[in-house]
N, C-alpha and C. Protein backbone atom coordinates (compact mmCIF):
# COMPACT_ATOMS: atom_id res chain seq x y z
N MET A 1 -6.52 9.72 13.08
CA MET A 1 -5.39 10.09 12.23
C MET A 1 -5.32 9.15 11.04
N ILE A 2 -5.09 9.71 9.89
CA ILE A 2 -4.94 8.95 8.65
C ILE A 2 -3.49 8.48 8.57
N LYS A 3 -3.30 7.19 8.37
CA LYS A 3 -1.95 6.65 8.24
C LYS A 3 -1.77 6.19 6.79
N VAL A 4 -0.75 6.75 6.13
CA VAL A 4 -0.48 6.45 4.74
C VAL A 4 0.82 5.65 4.66
N TYR A 5 0.77 4.50 3.99
CA TYR A 5 1.94 3.64 3.81
C TYR A 5 2.35 3.70 2.35
N GLY A 6 3.63 3.94 2.10
CA GLY A 6 4.12 3.99 0.72
C GLY A 6 5.52 4.56 0.67
N ILE A 7 5.87 5.13 -0.46
CA ILE A 7 7.16 5.82 -0.61
C ILE A 7 6.90 7.21 -1.19
N LYS A 8 7.71 8.16 -0.74
CA LYS A 8 7.50 9.57 -1.07
C LYS A 8 7.50 9.85 -2.57
N ASN A 9 8.32 9.14 -3.33
CA ASN A 9 8.45 9.46 -4.76
C ASN A 9 7.49 8.68 -5.66
N CYS A 10 6.56 7.92 -5.08
CA CYS A 10 5.56 7.18 -5.85
C CYS A 10 4.45 8.15 -6.28
N ASP A 11 4.09 8.13 -7.56
CA ASP A 11 3.06 9.05 -8.07
C ASP A 11 1.72 8.90 -7.36
N SER A 12 1.31 7.67 -7.10
CA SER A 12 0.03 7.44 -6.42
C SER A 12 0.06 7.96 -4.99
N VAL A 13 1.18 7.79 -4.32
CA VAL A 13 1.32 8.30 -2.96
C VAL A 13 1.30 9.83 -2.99
N LYS A 14 1.98 10.42 -3.95
CA LYS A 14 1.97 11.89 -4.09
C LYS A 14 0.55 12.41 -4.27
N LYS A 15 -0.25 11.72 -5.10
CA LYS A 15 -1.64 12.13 -5.32
C LYS A 15 -2.45 12.04 -4.02
N ALA A 16 -2.25 10.97 -3.28
CA ALA A 16 -2.97 10.80 -2.02
C ALA A 16 -2.60 11.89 -1.03
N LEU A 17 -1.30 12.17 -0.89
CA LEU A 17 -0.85 13.19 0.05
C LEU A 17 -1.36 14.57 -0.36
N LYS A 18 -1.38 14.84 -1.66
CA LYS A 18 -1.91 16.11 -2.16
C LYS A 18 -3.40 16.22 -1.83
N PHE A 19 -4.13 15.13 -2.00
CA PHE A 19 -5.55 15.12 -1.67
C PHE A 19 -5.75 15.48 -0.19
N PHE A 20 -4.97 14.85 0.69
CA PHE A 20 -5.11 15.12 2.13
C PHE A 20 -4.73 16.57 2.46
N LYS A 21 -3.67 17.07 1.86
CA LYS A 21 -3.25 18.46 2.10
C LYS A 21 -4.31 19.44 1.61
N ASN A 22 -4.81 19.22 0.39
CA ASN A 22 -5.80 20.12 -0.20
C ASN A 22 -7.11 20.15 0.60
N ASN A 23 -7.38 19.07 1.32
CA ASN A 23 -8.62 18.99 2.10
C ASN A 23 -8.37 19.15 3.60
N ASP A 24 -7.20 19.67 3.95
CA ASP A 24 -6.83 19.92 5.35
C ASP A 24 -7.04 18.71 6.25
N LEU A 25 -6.62 17.56 5.77
CA LEU A 25 -6.73 16.33 6.55
C LEU A 25 -5.33 15.95 7.06
N ALA A 26 -5.24 15.76 8.37
CA ALA A 26 -3.95 15.39 8.97
C ALA A 26 -3.64 13.93 8.64
N TYR A 27 -2.39 13.66 8.33
CA TYR A 27 -1.98 12.30 8.01
C TYR A 27 -0.56 12.07 8.50
N GLU A 28 -0.20 10.81 8.56
CA GLU A 28 1.16 10.41 8.92
C GLU A 28 1.63 9.45 7.83
N LEU A 29 2.85 9.68 7.33
CA LEU A 29 3.40 8.82 6.27
C LEU A 29 4.38 7.81 6.85
N PHE A 30 4.15 6.56 6.53
CA PHE A 30 5.07 5.48 6.85
C PHE A 30 5.79 5.15 5.55
N ASP A 31 7.08 5.48 5.49
CA ASP A 31 7.86 5.33 4.25
C ASP A 31 8.56 3.98 4.22
N PHE A 32 8.21 3.15 3.24
CA PHE A 32 8.81 1.83 3.10
C PHE A 32 10.32 1.88 2.90
N LYS A 33 10.83 2.98 2.38
CA LYS A 33 12.27 3.07 2.12
C LYS A 33 13.07 3.33 3.39
N SER A 34 12.44 3.96 4.39
CA SER A 34 13.19 4.28 5.62
C SER A 34 12.73 3.47 6.83
N GLN A 35 11.60 2.77 6.70
CA GLN A 35 11.07 1.97 7.80
C GLN A 35 10.67 0.60 7.28
N GLU A 36 10.89 -0.42 8.11
CA GLU A 36 10.50 -1.77 7.70
C GLU A 36 9.13 -2.09 8.27
N LEU A 37 8.25 -2.53 7.42
CA LEU A 37 6.89 -2.86 7.82
C LEU A 37 6.86 -4.27 8.42
N PRO A 38 6.31 -4.42 9.63
CA PRO A 38 6.24 -5.76 10.23
C PRO A 38 5.27 -6.67 9.47
N CYS A 39 5.58 -7.95 9.40
CA CYS A 39 4.72 -8.93 8.71
C CYS A 39 3.33 -8.96 9.34
N GLN A 40 3.24 -8.69 10.63
CA GLN A 40 1.95 -8.69 11.31
C GLN A 40 1.01 -7.65 10.69
N LYS A 41 1.55 -6.52 10.28
CA LYS A 41 0.73 -5.46 9.67
C LYS A 41 0.16 -5.96 8.34
N ILE A 42 0.97 -6.64 7.56
CA ILE A 42 0.51 -7.20 6.28
C ILE A 42 -0.61 -8.22 6.54
N ALA A 43 -0.44 -9.06 7.56
CA ALA A 43 -1.47 -10.04 7.91
C ALA A 43 -2.77 -9.34 8.30
N GLU A 44 -2.67 -8.23 9.05
CA GLU A 44 -3.87 -7.45 9.42
C GLU A 44 -4.56 -6.91 8.17
N TRP A 45 -3.77 -6.39 7.23
CA TRP A 45 -4.36 -5.85 6.00
C TRP A 45 -5.08 -6.94 5.22
N LEU A 46 -4.50 -8.14 5.20
CA LEU A 46 -5.09 -9.23 4.43
C LEU A 46 -6.39 -9.74 5.05
N GLU A 47 -6.69 -9.31 6.27
CA GLU A 47 -8.00 -9.61 6.86
C GLU A 47 -9.06 -8.66 6.29
N LYS A 48 -8.61 -7.52 5.72
CA LYS A 48 -9.53 -6.50 5.21
C LYS A 48 -9.56 -6.42 3.68
N THR A 49 -8.56 -6.98 3.03
CA THR A 49 -8.49 -6.97 1.56
C THR A 49 -7.84 -8.27 1.10
N ASP A 50 -7.89 -8.54 -0.19
CA ASP A 50 -7.29 -9.78 -0.68
C ASP A 50 -5.87 -9.53 -1.20
N ILE A 51 -5.16 -10.60 -1.38
CA ILE A 51 -3.75 -10.53 -1.80
C ILE A 51 -3.63 -9.92 -3.20
N LYS A 52 -4.60 -10.16 -4.07
CA LYS A 52 -4.55 -9.61 -5.43
C LYS A 52 -4.56 -8.08 -5.42
N THR A 53 -5.28 -7.51 -4.45
CA THR A 53 -5.34 -6.05 -4.31
C THR A 53 -4.04 -5.50 -3.74
N LEU A 54 -3.46 -6.21 -2.79
CA LEU A 54 -2.29 -5.72 -2.07
C LEU A 54 -0.96 -5.96 -2.80
N PHE A 55 -0.88 -7.06 -3.54
CA PHE A 55 0.38 -7.46 -4.19
C PHE A 55 0.47 -6.79 -5.56
N ASN A 56 1.48 -5.96 -5.74
CA ASN A 56 1.61 -5.16 -6.96
C ASN A 56 2.44 -5.90 -8.02
N THR A 57 1.74 -6.51 -8.96
CA THR A 57 2.42 -7.24 -10.03
C THR A 57 2.89 -6.31 -11.15
N ARG A 58 2.58 -5.02 -11.03
CA ARG A 58 3.00 -4.06 -12.06
C ARG A 58 4.23 -3.26 -11.64
N SER A 59 4.77 -3.55 -10.47
CA SER A 59 5.89 -2.76 -9.96
C SER A 59 7.22 -3.14 -10.61
N THR A 60 8.13 -2.20 -10.58
CA THR A 60 9.49 -2.44 -11.07
C THR A 60 10.15 -3.54 -10.25
N THR A 61 9.91 -3.52 -8.95
CA THR A 61 10.49 -4.54 -8.06
C THR A 61 10.04 -5.93 -8.48
N TYR A 62 8.76 -6.09 -8.79
CA TYR A 62 8.22 -7.37 -9.23
C TYR A 62 8.94 -7.86 -10.48
N ARG A 63 9.12 -6.95 -11.43
CA ARG A 63 9.80 -7.32 -12.68
C ARG A 63 11.27 -7.63 -12.43
N ASN A 64 11.94 -6.78 -11.64
CA ASN A 64 13.37 -6.98 -11.38
C ASN A 64 13.66 -8.29 -10.66
N LEU A 65 12.76 -8.69 -9.77
CA LEU A 65 12.94 -9.95 -9.04
C LEU A 65 12.48 -11.16 -9.86
N LYS A 66 11.92 -10.90 -11.04
CA LYS A 66 11.43 -11.97 -11.93
C LYS A 66 10.44 -12.91 -11.22
N LEU A 67 9.54 -12.31 -10.45
CA LEU A 67 8.60 -13.11 -9.66
C LEU A 67 7.52 -13.76 -10.51
N LYS A 68 7.23 -13.20 -11.67
CA LYS A 68 6.22 -13.81 -12.54
C LYS A 68 6.62 -15.24 -12.89
N GLU A 69 7.91 -15.43 -13.10
CA GLU A 69 8.42 -16.76 -13.49
C GLU A 69 8.23 -17.80 -12.38
N LEU A 70 8.10 -17.34 -11.13
CA LEU A 70 7.97 -18.26 -10.00
C LEU A 70 6.54 -18.75 -9.79
N ASN A 71 5.57 -18.10 -10.48
CA ASN A 71 4.17 -18.51 -10.39
C ASN A 71 3.75 -18.67 -8.92
N LEU A 72 3.85 -17.58 -8.17
CA LEU A 72 3.62 -17.59 -6.73
C LEU A 72 2.16 -17.84 -6.36
N ASP A 73 1.95 -18.68 -5.34
CA ASP A 73 0.59 -18.80 -4.80
C ASP A 73 0.39 -17.70 -3.75
N GLU A 74 -0.80 -17.62 -3.17
CA GLU A 74 -1.10 -16.52 -2.26
C GLU A 74 -0.20 -16.51 -1.02
N LYS A 75 0.10 -17.68 -0.49
CA LYS A 75 0.97 -17.77 0.69
C LYS A 75 2.37 -17.24 0.35
N MET A 76 2.88 -17.63 -0.81
CA MET A 76 4.21 -17.17 -1.23
C MET A 76 4.19 -15.66 -1.50
N GLN A 77 3.10 -15.16 -2.07
CA GLN A 77 2.99 -13.72 -2.31
C GLN A 77 3.05 -12.97 -0.98
N GLN A 78 2.36 -13.47 0.04
CA GLN A 78 2.38 -12.82 1.35
C GLN A 78 3.80 -12.83 1.93
N GLU A 79 4.50 -13.95 1.77
CA GLU A 79 5.89 -14.03 2.25
C GLU A 79 6.77 -13.00 1.55
N TRP A 80 6.56 -12.82 0.24
CA TRP A 80 7.33 -11.83 -0.51
C TRP A 80 7.01 -10.41 -0.05
N LEU A 81 5.74 -10.14 0.27
CA LEU A 81 5.38 -8.81 0.77
C LEU A 81 6.14 -8.50 2.07
N CYS A 82 6.30 -9.51 2.90
CA CYS A 82 7.05 -9.33 4.15
C CYS A 82 8.53 -9.06 3.88
N LYS A 83 9.09 -9.78 2.93
CA LYS A 83 10.52 -9.63 2.61
C LYS A 83 10.81 -8.34 1.85
N GLU A 84 9.88 -7.95 0.98
CA GLU A 84 10.11 -6.83 0.07
C GLU A 84 8.89 -5.91 0.05
N ASN A 85 8.89 -4.94 0.95
CA ASN A 85 7.74 -4.04 1.09
C ASN A 85 7.41 -3.26 -0.17
N LEU A 86 8.36 -3.09 -1.08
CA LEU A 86 8.10 -2.34 -2.30
C LEU A 86 7.18 -3.10 -3.27
N LEU A 87 6.84 -4.34 -2.92
CA LEU A 87 5.87 -5.11 -3.72
C LEU A 87 4.43 -4.79 -3.33
N ILE A 88 4.26 -4.00 -2.27
CA ILE A 88 2.92 -3.63 -1.81
C ILE A 88 2.38 -2.52 -2.71
N LYS A 89 1.15 -2.70 -3.18
CA LYS A 89 0.52 -1.66 -4.00
C LYS A 89 0.35 -0.41 -3.13
N ARG A 90 0.68 0.73 -3.70
CA ARG A 90 0.69 1.97 -2.93
C ARG A 90 -0.32 2.98 -3.45
N PRO A 91 -0.73 3.86 -2.56
CA PRO A 91 -0.55 3.83 -1.11
C PRO A 91 -1.55 2.89 -0.45
N VAL A 92 -1.21 2.47 0.76
CA VAL A 92 -2.16 1.79 1.63
C VAL A 92 -2.53 2.81 2.69
N VAL A 93 -3.82 3.04 2.87
CA VAL A 93 -4.29 4.06 3.81
C VAL A 93 -5.19 3.42 4.85
N GLU A 94 -4.82 3.64 6.12
CA GLU A 94 -5.65 3.18 7.24
C GLU A 94 -6.35 4.39 7.85
N TYR A 95 -7.65 4.24 8.10
CA TYR A 95 -8.42 5.32 8.70
C TYR A 95 -9.69 4.76 9.31
N ASN A 96 -9.87 5.00 10.59
CA ASN A 96 -11.09 4.55 11.30
C ASN A 96 -11.42 3.07 11.04
N GLY A 97 -10.41 2.23 11.08
CA GLY A 97 -10.63 0.80 10.88
C GLY A 97 -10.82 0.38 9.44
N GLU A 98 -10.80 1.35 8.52
CA GLU A 98 -10.94 1.04 7.09
C GLU A 98 -9.57 0.94 6.45
N LEU A 99 -9.53 0.31 5.29
CA LEU A 99 -8.29 0.17 4.54
C LEU A 99 -8.57 0.50 3.08
N LEU A 100 -7.79 1.43 2.53
CA LEU A 100 -7.88 1.76 1.11
C LEU A 100 -6.53 1.44 0.48
N VAL A 101 -6.55 0.77 -0.66
CA VAL A 101 -5.31 0.42 -1.36
C VAL A 101 -5.32 1.07 -2.73
N GLY A 102 -4.24 1.81 -3.04
CA GLY A 102 -4.17 2.54 -4.29
C GLY A 102 -4.86 3.89 -4.14
N PHE A 103 -4.67 4.75 -5.13
CA PHE A 103 -5.32 6.07 -5.08
C PHE A 103 -6.47 6.11 -6.07
N ASN A 104 -7.64 6.46 -5.56
CA ASN A 104 -8.82 6.68 -6.38
C ASN A 104 -9.54 7.86 -5.75
N GLU A 105 -9.53 9.00 -6.45
CA GLU A 105 -10.07 10.24 -5.87
C GLU A 105 -11.53 10.10 -5.44
N GLU A 106 -12.30 9.39 -6.22
CA GLU A 106 -13.72 9.19 -5.88
C GLU A 106 -13.86 8.43 -4.55
N ASN A 107 -13.09 7.36 -4.39
CA ASN A 107 -13.12 6.60 -3.14
C ASN A 107 -12.63 7.44 -1.96
N TYR A 108 -11.61 8.24 -2.19
CA TYR A 108 -11.08 9.10 -1.13
C TYR A 108 -12.12 10.14 -0.72
N THR A 109 -12.78 10.74 -1.70
CA THR A 109 -13.81 11.74 -1.40
C THR A 109 -14.92 11.11 -0.57
N ARG A 110 -15.34 9.92 -0.96
CA ARG A 110 -16.41 9.20 -0.25
C ARG A 110 -15.97 8.85 1.18
N SER A 111 -14.71 8.45 1.36
CA SER A 111 -14.23 8.00 2.67
C SER A 111 -13.84 9.14 3.61
N PHE A 112 -13.32 10.24 3.07
CA PHE A 112 -12.72 11.25 3.93
C PHE A 112 -13.46 12.60 4.00
N LEU A 113 -14.37 12.85 3.05
CA LEU A 113 -15.04 14.15 3.04
C LEU A 113 -16.52 14.05 3.37
């Protein structure tokens, strides 16, 4: 089963879900707005990808919290991801032990079709 982490109204998440629907791939959505992601899950992801990929410095949440001014190191960035799931770059997709961050149709085609 494909597990998609994100929020329903995010454009990148919408593209990913559309890709899965168009290709008849079953998925489950974990919505950051209605469910809290455990810090352990973030730690698992960071074993498969780096913090620069996972931490979204382009998000509205990042700007609103004025995190750029804090000059966060990687440990602090991970702590912020635990406190504020909306700082996670979306979507995060888990499938067969793999992890994809963000939507890239070419990568999705290679991984799922």
